[in-house]
Every structure is written in C-alpha cells, then in structure tokens.
C-alpha cells in the first residue's frame, strides 16, 4: 500500500500552488482482491523546521466540505482531490487514515 502517482513515495514531489492534487491509493485484501468499502479520511500537517505540525482538514472537490476519500470503481482506487491553493508553500505531510486503523503517509512540497 501507499499513495499512487502523482504523489511520489520518496517525498521528492514538488507541486505548484493553485491547483488540484489527486491523492490516490488502492487497497487489496489477503487474496489480492480490491477492497472498496473502507472509509478513509485525509489529514494534512505543515512541516516546519523538520517537525510535523498538527493535523488539519481541507475540503475536496468532489465531494465538498469533507476529508473523506471517494472510491472510483472504474480504476479500483480511492481518490481525494486536494485543493493545494489553500495550502502555504513548503513541506506538508499527507496522512490517509483508514477505518481499520491503517495509516499511510507521504511528504509533499508546495511551491
């Protein structure tokens, strides 16, 4: 598991402020079958001097005013369209928290 492109797993992703950033991942069970029923929420935290700050929630489009990923049945993946125009320049941690307790994180930079 982990985030899919355009998010770079190694933290080297630099994204332009003022756009939507699709945050995507896939879930499979022990048999390799796609899982489409998980409830997953996205949290972001500013990184300042190497320290990750407190989790924040931004709205997505669609759906608006929630931090819940939606499931795309055509692509078999969870997606959240993150509006990075509302985020300040610099480093950010993205954190997807699944209802099972699993957590996926990635670091991005906004310029």
Protein backbone atom coordinates (compact mmCIF):
# COMPACT_ATOMS: atom_id res chain seq x y z
CA UNK A 1 0.00 0.00 0.00
CA UNK A 2 0.84 3.61 -0.34
CA UNK A 3 -0.04 6.62 -2.42
CA UNK A 4 -0.07 6.40 -6.22
CA UNK A 5 1.26 8.96 -8.73
CA UNK A 6 1.32 11.90 -8.93
CA UNK A 7 2.35 11.61 -5.25
CA UNK A 8 5.98 10.48 -5.05
CA UNK A 9 6.61 7.89 -2.35
CA UNK A 10 10.13 9.15 -1.66
CA UNK A 11 8.93 12.63 -0.67
CA UNK A 12 10.55 14.34 -3.66
CA UNK A 13 7.26 15.56 -5.18
CA UNK A 14 7.06 19.32 -5.71
CA UNK A 15 3.65 20.64 -6.73
CA UNK A 16 2.54 24.08 -7.87
CA UNK A 17 0.28 26.02 -5.56
CA UNK A 18 -3.08 26.88 -7.09
CA UNK A 19 -4.10 23.51 -8.46
CA UNK A 20 -5.85 20.30 -7.52
CA UNK A 21 -3.63 17.43 -6.47
CA UNK A 22 -5.23 13.98 -6.85
CA UNK A 23 -4.29 11.87 -3.83
CA UNK A 24 -4.85 8.20 -4.73
CA UNK A 25 -4.23 4.72 -3.37
CA UNK A 26 -5.53 1.16 -3.79
CA UNK A 27 -6.48 -1.37 -1.13
CA UNK A 28 -6.43 -5.13 -1.57
CA UNK A 29 -7.27 -7.97 0.79
CA UNK A 30 -5.10 -11.01 1.57
CA UNK A 31 -6.28 -12.66 -1.66
CA UNK A 32 -5.35 -9.66 -3.81
CA UNK A 33 -8.97 -8.59 -4.39
CA UNK A 34 -9.72 -4.88 -4.39
CA UNK A 35 -11.40 -3.51 -1.25
CA UNK A 36 -13.96 -0.80 -1.99
CA UNK A 37 -15.74 -0.48 1.35
CA UNK A 38 -13.14 1.22 3.55
CA UNK A 39 -13.85 4.64 5.00
CA UNK A 40 -10.70 6.69 4.65
CA UNK A 41 -10.03 10.26 5.67
CA UNK A 42 -7.23 12.61 4.61
CA UNK A 43 -5.37 14.86 7.04
CA UNK A 44 -2.60 17.31 6.25
CA UNK A 45 0.03 18.79 8.53
CA UNK A 46 2.51 21.58 7.83
CA UNK A 47 6.18 20.69 8.29
CA UNK A 48 8.22 23.45 9.91
CA UNK A 49 11.95 23.02 10.53
CA UNK A 50 11.60 19.25 10.13
CA UNK A 51 8.76 18.99 12.65
CA UNK A 52 5.31 17.81 11.56
CA UNK A 53 2.59 20.08 12.91
CA UNK A 54 -0.99 19.32 13.91
CA UNK A 55 -3.35 17.54 11.52
CA UNK A 56 -5.64 19.80 9.51
CA UNK A 57 -8.63 19.10 7.27
CA UNK A 58 -9.25 20.83 3.94
CA UNK A 59 -12.27 20.43 1.70
CA UNK A 60 -12.09 18.48 -1.53
CA UNK A 61 -13.88 18.78 -4.85
CA UNK A 62 -15.89 16.47 -5.12
CA UNK A 63 -17.24 15.92 -2.54
CA UNK A 64 -17.10 19.36 -0.96
CA UNK A 65 -16.54 20.07 2.72
CA UNK A 66 -15.32 16.64 3.77
CA UNK A 67 -11.99 14.93 4.18
CA UNK A 68 -13.27 11.50 3.09
CA UNK A 69 -11.80 9.75 0.06
CA UNK A 70 -14.26 8.51 -2.57
CA UNK A 71 -13.92 5.16 -4.31
CA UNK A 72 -13.54 5.05 -8.09
CA UNK A 73 -14.95 1.70 -9.25
CA UNK A 74 -13.55 2.08 -12.79
CA UNK A 75 -9.96 2.46 -11.56
CA UNK A 76 -10.36 0.42 -8.34
CA UNK A 77 -8.82 3.15 -6.21
CA UNK A 78 -9.60 5.68 -3.53
CA UNK A 79 -9.19 9.31 -4.55
CA UNK A 80 -9.24 12.69 -2.87
CA UNK A 81 -8.86 15.87 -4.93
CA UNK A 82 -6.80 18.09 -2.65
CA UNK A 83 -7.04 21.82 -3.37
CA UNK A 84 -3.47 22.88 -2.68
CA UNK A 85 -4.24 26.52 -3.50
CA UNK A 86 -5.32 26.87 0.15
CA UNK A 87 -2.04 25.49 1.46
CA UNK A 88 1.05 27.61 2.11
CA UNK A 89 4.33 26.99 0.33
CA UNK A 90 6.73 24.49 1.87
CA UNK A 91 6.58 20.93 3.15
CA UNK A 92 3.40 19.09 4.11
CA UNK A 93 2.61 15.63 5.39
CA UNK A 94 -0.39 13.86 3.86
CA UNK A 95 -1.96 11.19 6.04
CA UNK A 96 -4.71 8.78 4.97
CA UNK A 97 -6.37 7.13 7.97
CA UNK A 98 -8.46 4.05 7.26
CA UNK A 99 -11.33 2.89 9.44
CA UNK A 100 -9.30 -0.31 10.05
CA UNK A 101 -6.65 1.77 11.79
CA UNK A 102 -4.11 1.59 8.93
CA UNK A 103 -2.31 4.84 8.20
CA UNK A 104 -0.49 5.86 5.01
CA UNK A 105 1.70 8.98 4.95
CA UNK A 106 3.62 10.91 2.34
CA UNK A 107 5.56 14.16 2.26
CA UNK A 108 4.96 16.77 -0.46
CA UNK A 109 6.36 20.23 -1.16
CA UNK A 110 4.33 23.12 -2.50
CA UNK A 111 5.92 25.96 -4.44
